Structure formats: C-alpha cells, structure tokens
Amino acid sequence: AGSRASLHAALRTLLTAPWPSQRHLRSCLQLLAVLQWVLSFLLLGEWVVSLLLLIYLVFTSFWPISALYLAWVIFDWDTPEKGGRRLPCLRRWSVWKHFRDYFPVQLVKTHDLSPSHNYIIGSHPHGILCVGAFCNFITGSTGFLEKFPGIRPFLTTLAGNFRLPVFREYLMSGGLCPVTRQAIGYLLSKNGTGNAVAIVIGGASESLSCQPGVTTLILKNRKGFVRMALEHGAHLVPSFSFGENDLFQQVVFEEGSWMRSIQKRIQKMMGFAPCVFYGRGLLSVRSRGFLPYPKPITTVVGEPVTVPKIAEPSRETVDLYHEMYVRSLLKLFNENKTKYGMLETDELRIV
C-alpha cells in the first residue's frame, strides 16, 4: 500500500509539473544544433567515430564493409577535386534553421549576381570556426538560393579534410571542396556558369588574430585568388561577416613570443592554427566551454568586381585587380559597420 501511495504521489507530481515552454524547447534545439556542428568540425566527431567503427568491423564477420568502403575511397579519390558530390536535401535540413537562430545568422544582399558568370566570393574574417561562411554558403537556412537565383555556392576548406574516411562524404554532400587550384579551377571552368566559390582568404593565420573589437585581415599579400579569377574570368565578390570575431574569447600571444612561434610552426606543418580560446558552457552562457556565444552574425555580400579572362595575367594586372578588390571590401565594411554592431571609429586593418 505504501509503495502504491508513493507511486500515485510521484505521478501526481509529474502531471502537475510545468511542461517546457516552446521558447525553452527552441533554445534546447538550437543548442543541440550548434553542439553537433562544433563536435563535427572542431573535434572531427564524425571522422573519429567512423574510423573506429571501420577498424572494429575489420575484426568481425562484417569486415567486407570496411574493405568495400576502402575500395570505394580509392576509386572516388579525385571526386572532391571535380566538383564534389553535393546533396541538395542536406542544405534543407531543419537542424540548420535551429543553428541559424542560435546566433542568429542573416545574409544581406547588396547587388545581383548573374547566373551567366562565375564568381569567387572572398569571405572575411576567418574568425575561429567560420560560422558565417558555413551557415550562409553551405546551408540553405539564410536563403542564399532565393536571394541569388541561379547561383550555386561552394565553400573551400583544407584539402586534408577530404582524406578522412566518411567525413569526406559529409563535406562533399554540403558543397564543400578543397582549397586547391585544381578544385577551384574545375568549378570555374568545367562546371558551367552560375558557380560561386567562397574562399576564406585569411585562412588559418587570420584565426590567430581573432578577438572581439579588433578586425585584422590577412589580405595584403594574398593574391592567388585574384590570379585564379583572372585566369578563368570569374568576377570577384567581397563579403564580410559582422560579428564573427565576437563568438569566442581567444588568448592572443604577441608576435615573437615562443607560444606564437609554436602556433605558426604547427600551422605550417598541419595547415591549421591551434588557437587557445573559450566560449560558453553547455549548460549556461555564463560558464566557460567550447561552444560559441549566441551573438548575431550578419554576412553582407558586396558589389562584384568585374574581371576579364586573361590566360596568363601579369603581376601588374594581378596587383591592379587586387587593389580594386580591397577597395570594394573597404567600402562594404565602412558602409555597413554601424548597421551591424560596430562603431563609426572602428577600422578594418589589412596586413
């Protein structure tokens, strides 16, 4: 009888307990969406799990699965360099809408992009995890296809990521491609028109200077993307993600310090920069952890710089169009900075 009474009391308590509100449920879904993304791209979660699974299967009766997948990877080795294998349904996953709303992220169009041309979109700044670039150019949550009809966006990332089992399939399905001359050249010359290849030009080096209140772009000597644009006649489009540098707090080591030299050495060997940073915790914004702070990101896509097709552009021609691109980027930044959380006195530092 006592146990029955206790059970009844527990049921009454459960029934009278307040159910989570829709707002609380949305917040939980947004947090989970960001968590799975961070684990995927910061800790390479899918790669670690899939690799362990493939190794485990080798020692079981299911070993043919691992053997067949290895054969598939060998056969499919060059696909990332030839446009990849995107799945449009992945862009429409509802999880990306929760991901977008967590910050939130929005995409602002300032000029039309004609489907009769190809484009290289310069994405700035790198930040820690390139949240703005990923959300706008890989997911469909911010309406890129609706705002730029007829344009297929691609985002470049480290070529080494496409050598990781299973993870490579995940990257290609979203429209990511290696940041190599061969992969970018294929999209700009052998994949028709209407392609927009987004390149985070500052790369890993720029992430080392990422901190709130400071906007430093590594761009002055980054001219390879301009040369490729000229070789293929692809127009150059600047874009800037306001708020990208506010998502994490980073411990920035001074130039010349031993920690800075270690970071640069690892970056040179591995292709990525090991940043020392922190964000919010899983259970509270006020605690420290590895999740980004929920701060708004606004990616503004600027006016295209018309580029002619020159098979072998001279250094002077590359410098000329690089200067035109920098001026267009500075114009975009200065015209929009006060609209999206920055001060009139804030400047864009290009090194």
Foldseek 3Di string as FASTA:
>chain_A
DVVVVVVVVVVVCVVPDDDDDPVRVLLVLLLVLLVVVCCCPVVVNVLVVVVVVLVVCCPDPNVVVSVVLVVVCVVCVCQLLQQFAAALVVLVDVSLLSPCVLQPEEEAEDDADDQQAEAEEAEDDCAQPNSNCCSQQQHCNRPPCVRHPNAHEAEEDAPVQCVRPPSVNVNRRRRYGHPDLSSVLNQLAVVGGRYYYYYNQQFQVSNLVQAPPAAEGAQPPRLPVLQSCQQRQHWYKYKYKPPSSVFKHWDHDDPPDPVVVVQVVCCVVPVHGDTHIWAADSPDRPHIHHGTRSHYIYMYIFDIHGHHHDNGDDPVVSVVVSVVNVVRNQVVCQVCVVVRDHDNPRHHHYD
